[in-house]
C-alpha atoms as a PDB file:
ATOM      1  CA  MET A   1     144.051  97.342  98.204  1.00  0.00           C
ATOM      2  CA  ALA A   2     143.497  98.992 101.578  1.00  0.00           C
ATOM      3  CA  VAL A   3     141.484 102.178 101.777  1.00  0.00           C
ATOM      4  CA  PRO A   4     143.251 104.915 103.762  1.00  0.00           C
ATOM      5  CA  VAL A   5     141.561 106.013 106.988  1.00  0.00           C
ATOM      6  CA  GLY A   6     139.076 108.807 106.385  1.00  0.00           C
ATOM      7  CA  GLU A   7     138.446 107.835 102.758  1.00  0.00           C
ATOM      8  CA  PHE A   8     135.448 105.899 101.572  1.00  0.00           C
ATOM      9  CA  PRO A   9     135.762 102.953  99.180  1.00  0.00           C
ATOM     10  CA  MET A  10     132.498 103.823  97.420  1.00  0.00           C
ATOM     11  CA  LYS A  11     130.348 106.873  96.877  1.00  0.00           C
ATOM     12  CA  ARG A  12     127.958 107.598  99.697  1.00  0.00           C
ATOM     13  CA  ARG A  13     124.315 107.643  98.596  1.00  0.00           C
ATOM     14  CA  ILE A  14     122.094 110.564  99.490  1.00  0.00           C
ATOM     15  CA  LEU A  15     118.398 110.980  98.794  1.00  0.00           C
ATOM     16  CA  LEU A  16     117.742 114.681  98.215  1.00  0.00           C
ATOM     17  CA  VAL A  17     114.112 115.813  98.437  1.00  0.00           C
ATOM     18  CA  ASP A  18     112.792 119.236  97.423  1.00  0.00           C
ATOM     19  CA  ASP A  19     109.870 120.442  95.336  1.00  0.00           C
ATOM     20  CA  GLU A  20     111.832 123.419  93.989  1.00  0.00           C
ATOM     21  CA  LEU A  21     113.630 122.172  90.884  1.00  0.00           C
ATOM     22  CA  ALA A  22     116.330 124.875  90.961  1.00  0.00           C
ATOM     23  CA  ILE A  23     117.336 123.961  94.522  1.00  0.00           C
ATOM     24  CA  LEU A  24     117.174 120.238  93.793  1.00  0.00           C
ATOM     25  CA  LEU A  25     119.430 120.519  90.742  1.00  0.00           C
ATOM     26  CA  THR A  26     121.885 122.938  92.382  1.00  0.00           C
ATOM     27  CA  LEU A  27     122.325 120.845  95.527  1.00  0.00           C
ATOM     28  CA  ARG A  28     122.572 117.654  93.485  1.00  0.00           C
ATOM     29  CA  ALA A  29     125.389 119.155  91.362  1.00  0.00           C
ATOM     30  CA  ILE A  30     127.261 120.384  94.458  1.00  0.00           C
ATOM     31  CA  LEU A  31     127.000 117.014  96.186  1.00  0.00           C
ATOM     32  CA  GLU A  32     127.964 115.023  93.097  1.00  0.00           C
ATOM     33  CA  MET A  33     131.002 117.257  92.492  1.00  0.00           C
ATOM     34  CA  ASN A  34     132.051 116.427  96.048  1.00  0.00           C
ATOM     35  CA  GLY A  35     131.894 112.670  95.671  1.00  0.00           C
ATOM     36  CA  PHE A  36     128.334 111.787  96.670  1.00  0.00           C
ATOM     37  CA  GLU A  37     125.941 109.640  94.679  1.00  0.00           C
ATOM     38  CA  VAL A  38     122.679 111.593  94.699  1.00  0.00           C
ATOM     39  CA  GLU A  39     119.178 110.459  93.930  1.00  0.00           C
ATOM     40  CA  THR A  40     116.407 113.046  93.918  1.00  0.00           C
ATOM     41  CA  ALA A  41     112.707 113.186  94.679  1.00  0.00           C
ATOM     42  CA  ALA A  42     110.451 116.166  93.972  1.00  0.00           C
ATOM     43  CA  SER A  43     107.793 115.300  96.563  1.00  0.00           C
ATOM     44  CA  SER A  44     107.295 113.627  99.910  1.00  0.00           C
ATOM     45  CA  LYS A  45     105.395 110.765  98.295  1.00  0.00           C
ATOM     46  CA  GLU A  46     108.130 110.105  95.735  1.00  0.00           C
ATOM     47  CA  ALA A  47     110.766 110.200  98.506  1.00  0.00           C
ATOM     48  CA  GLN A  48     108.856 107.725 100.652  1.00  0.00           C
ATOM     49  CA  GLN A  49     108.655 105.280  97.739  1.00  0.00           C
ATOM     50  CA  LYS A  50     112.389 105.626  97.039  1.00  0.00           C
ATOM     51  CA  LEU A  51     113.222 105.122 100.723  1.00  0.00           C
ATOM     52  CA  ARG A  52     111.302 101.849 100.762  1.00  0.00           C
ATOM     53  CA  ASN A  53     112.892 100.598  97.517  1.00  0.00           C
ATOM     54  CA  GLY A  54     116.497 101.772  97.920  1.00  0.00           C
ATOM     55  CA  VAL A  55     119.246 102.147 100.488  1.00  0.00           C
ATOM     56  CA  TYR A  56     120.673 105.546 101.396  1.00  0.00           C
ATOM     57  CA  GLU A  57     123.328 106.651 103.826  1.00  0.00           C
ATOM     58  CA  MET A  58     121.585 109.998 104.265  1.00  0.00           C
ATOM     59  CA  VAL A  59     118.289 111.713 103.509  1.00  0.00           C
ATOM     60  CA  ILE A  60     118.101 115.489 103.116  1.00  0.00           C
ATOM     61  CA  THR A  61     114.548 116.747 102.756  1.00  0.00           C
ATOM     62  CA  ASP A  62     112.872 120.100 102.380  1.00  0.00           C
ATOM     63  CA  MET A  63     110.293 120.792 105.071  1.00  0.00           C
ATOM     64  CA  ARG A  64     107.518 122.459 103.087  1.00  0.00           C
ATOM     65  CA  MET A  65     106.395 120.621  99.982  1.00  0.00           C
ATOM     66  CA  GLU A  66     102.874 119.193  99.527  1.00  0.00           C
ATOM     67  CA  SER A  67     102.080 120.467 103.011  1.00  0.00           C
ATOM     68  CA  GLU A  68     103.743 122.608 105.675  1.00  0.00           C
ATOM     69  CA  THR A  69     105.150 119.479 107.342  1.00  0.00           C
ATOM     70  CA  SER A  70     105.848 117.111 104.421  1.00  0.00           C
ATOM     71  CA  GLY A  71     109.495 116.919 105.447  1.00  0.00           C
ATOM     72  CA  TYR A  72     108.496 115.267 108.720  1.00  0.00           C
ATOM     73  CA  ASP A  73     106.709 112.525 106.737  1.00  0.00           C
ATOM     74  CA  VAL A  74     109.914 111.841 104.801  1.00  0.00           C
ATOM     75  CA  ILE A  75     111.969 111.783 108.032  1.00  0.00           C
ATOM     76  CA  ARG A  76     109.475 109.417 109.704  1.00  0.00           C
ATOM     77  CA  VAL A  77     109.656 106.915 106.829  1.00  0.00           C
ATOM     78  CA  ALA A  78     113.464 107.218 106.678  1.00  0.00           C
ATOM     79  CA  ARG A  79     113.745 106.410 110.402  1.00  0.00           C
ATOM     80  CA  GLN A  80     111.610 103.280 109.876  1.00  0.00           C
ATOM     81  CA  GLN A  81     114.055 101.770 107.375  1.00  0.00           C
ATOM     82  CA  SER A  82     116.298  98.956 108.587  1.00  0.00           C
ATOM     83  CA  TYR A  83     119.357 100.589 106.968  1.00  0.00           C
ATOM     84  CA  ASP A  84     118.914 103.605 109.303  1.00  0.00           C
ATOM     85  CA  PRO A  85     120.011 106.611 107.217  1.00  0.00           C
ATOM     86  CA  ALA A  86     121.197 109.883 108.700  1.00  0.00           C
ATOM     87  CA  THR A  87     118.447 112.501 108.386  1.00  0.00           C
ATOM     88  CA  ALA A  88     118.573 116.242 107.782  1.00  0.00           C
ATOM     89  CA  LEU A  89     115.787 118.744 107.316  1.00  0.00           C
ATOM     90  CA  LEU A  90     116.317 121.536 104.791  1.00  0.00           C
ATOM     91  CA  THR A  91     114.302 124.695 105.389  1.00  0.00           C
ATOM     92  CA  ALA A  92     114.151 128.395 104.650  1.00  0.00           C
ATOM     93  CA  TYR A  93     112.180 128.784 107.901  1.00  0.00           C
ATOM     94  CA  PRO A  94     114.632 128.177 110.776  1.00  0.00           C
ATOM     95  CA  SER A  95     112.047 129.171 113.390  1.00  0.00           C
ATOM     96  CA  LEU A  96     111.075 125.531 113.957  1.00  0.00           C
ATOM     97  CA  GLY A  97     112.504 125.558 117.493  1.00  0.00           C
ATOM     98  CA  SER A  98     113.505 122.068 118.547  1.00  0.00           C
ATOM     99  CA  GLU A  99     110.417 120.380 117.089  1.00  0.00           C
ATOM    100  CA  TRP A 100     112.515 119.067 114.189  1.00  0.00           C
ATOM    101  CA  GLU A 101     114.617 117.010 116.620  1.00  0.00           C
ATOM    102  CA  SER A 102     111.569 115.435 118.266  1.00  0.00           C
ATOM    103  CA  LYS A 103     110.330 114.447 114.781  1.00  0.00           C
ATOM    104  CA  GLY A 104     113.495 112.415 114.111  1.00  0.00           C
ATOM    105  CA  ALA A 105     115.684 114.781 112.115  1.00  0.00           C
ATOM    106  CA  GLN A 106     119.308 114.792 113.224  1.00  0.00           C
ATOM    107  CA  SER A 107     120.305 118.069 111.605  1.00  0.00           C
ATOM    108  CA  LEU A 108     118.664 121.294 110.448  1.00  0.00           C
ATOM    109  CA  LEU A 109     120.107 122.838 107.281  1.00  0.00           C
ATOM    110  CA  VAL A 110     118.954 126.407 106.686  1.00  0.00           C
ATOM    111  CA  LYS A 111     118.729 127.564 103.075  1.00  0.00           C
ATOM    112  CA  PRO A 112     120.266 129.368 101.471  1.00  0.00           C
ATOM    113  CA  VAL A 113     123.446 127.716 102.708  1.00  0.00           C
ATOM    114  CA  ASN A 114     126.911 128.212 101.263  1.00  0.00           C
ATOM    115  CA  THR A 115     128.623 125.199  99.736  1.00  0.00           C
ATOM    116  CA  GLU A 116     131.438 124.851 102.281  1.00  0.00           C
ATOM    117  CA  GLU A 117     129.060 125.041 105.237  1.00  0.00           C
ATOM    118  CA  LEU A 118     126.652 122.554 103.642  1.00  0.00           C
ATOM    119  CA  LEU A 119     129.435 120.041 103.020  1.00  0.00           C
ATOM    120  CA  ARG A 120     130.851 120.536 106.525  1.00  0.00           C
ATOM    121  CA  GLN A 121     127.436 119.899 108.102  1.00  0.00           C
ATOM    122  CA  ILE A 122     126.767 116.835 105.946  1.00  0.00           C
ATOM    123  CA  GLU A 123     130.184 115.297 106.701  1.00  0.00           C
ATOM    124  CA  ALA A 124     129.782 115.983 110.428  1.00  0.00           C
ATOM    125  CA  LEU A 125     126.335 114.378 110.471  1.00  0.00           C
ATOM    126  CA  LEU A 126     127.495 111.323 108.529  1.00  0.00           C
ATOM    127  CA  VAL A 127     130.433 110.767 110.889  1.00  0.00           C
ATOM    128  CA  THR A 128     128.300 111.256 114.017  1.00  0.00           C
ATOM    129  CA  HIS A 129     125.538 109.010 112.683  1.00  0.00           C
ATOM    130  CA  GLN A 130     127.991 106.260 111.710  1.00  0.00           C
ATOM    131  CA  ASP A 131     129.568 106.430 115.182  1.00  0.00           C
ATOM    132  CA  GLN A 132     126.123 106.085 116.787  1.00  0.00           C
ATOM    133  CA  LYS A 133     125.290 103.095 114.572  1.00  0.00           C
ATOM    134  CA  MET A 134     128.591 101.409 115.482  1.00  0.00           C
ATOM    135  CA  LEU A 135     128.007 102.073 119.179  1.00  0.00           C
ATOM    136  CA  GLY A 136     124.482 100.661 118.867  1.00  0.00           C
ATOM    137  CA  GLN A 137     125.823  97.508 117.202  1.00  0.00           C
ATOM    138  CA  LYS A 138     128.467  97.066 119.907  1.00  0.00           C
ATOM    139  CA  ASN A 139     125.834  97.490 122.623  1.00  0.00           C
ATOM    140  CA  SER A 140     123.582  94.922 120.895  1.00  0.00           C
ATOM    141  CA  VAL A 141     126.448  92.423 120.709  1.00  0.00           C
ATOM    142  CA  ARG A 142     127.354  93.108 124.340  1.00  0.00           C
ATOM    143  CA  LYS A 143     123.732  92.632 125.467  1.00  0.00           C
ATOM    144  CA  ALA A 144     123.485  89.388 123.487  1.00  0.00           C
ATOM    145  CA  ALA A 145     126.745  88.132 125.015  1.00  0.00           C
ATOM    146  CA  VAL A 146     125.587  89.010 128.538  1.00  0.00           C
ATOM    147  CA  SER A 147     122.208  87.395 127.901  1.00  0.00           C
ATOM    148  CA  ASN A 148     123.855  84.294 126.430  1.00  0.00           C
ATOM    149  CA  GLY A 149     126.310  84.155 129.348  1.00  0.00           C
ATOM    150  CA  ALA A 150     123.453  84.365 131.845  1.00  0.00           C
ATOM    151  CA  ALA A 151     121.641  81.523 130.078  1.00  0.00           C
ATOM    152  CA  VAL A 152     124.796  79.360 130.155  1.00  0.00           C
ATOM    153  CA  HIS A 153     125.253  80.184 133.858  1.00  0.00           C
ATOM    154  CA  ARG A 154     121.604  79.211 134.607  1.00  0.00           C
ATOM    155  CA  ARG A 155     122.010  75.898 132.750  1.00  0.00           C
ATOM    156  CA  ALA A 156     125.267  75.141 134.605  1.00  0.00           C
ATOM    157  CA  SER A 157     123.654  76.010 137.949  1.00  0.00           C
ATOM    158  CA  ALA A 158     120.660  73.812 137.132  1.00  0.00           C
ATOM    159  CA  LYS A 159     122.944  70.860 136.282  1.00  0.00           C
ATOM    160  CA  ARG A 160     124.860  71.279 139.549  1.00  0.00           C
ATOM    161  CA  ALA A 161     121.592  71.313 141.475  1.00  0.00           C
ATOM    162  CA  GLU A 162     120.547  67.962 139.946  1.00  0.00           C
END
């Protein structure tokens, strides 16, 4: 059975990280009601362990947990994973400037955020991130083909020179 364009054949997995239980449970419920599979972590350390042992399409992490910059630790570990999840930083302190981008986060979600806006931002980030991954794969294949073609050309030239 073909899956219509724009629909996903399986639930998209999100790792949601926040040390405030009320926020964690509220966001989890909102995301699950909108078709996401959500796993939670209540600390940076727990999130890092889950990132290494699971596969997620997206990671949304609070900035301030064990320390003022715990969210950056989660983002750093997420960016190191071979499955390359989309990354968003959740904060009540939007005065971070552009530092969050240089630390690897792809989106800044400011709390409190209304449900529609949160879902719109998450969908937009997932689509953009997936497009970038596809483009990266195409470029890798193209580079490999060019490299392979150059090697074949060198071998052919070497045989002609013999």
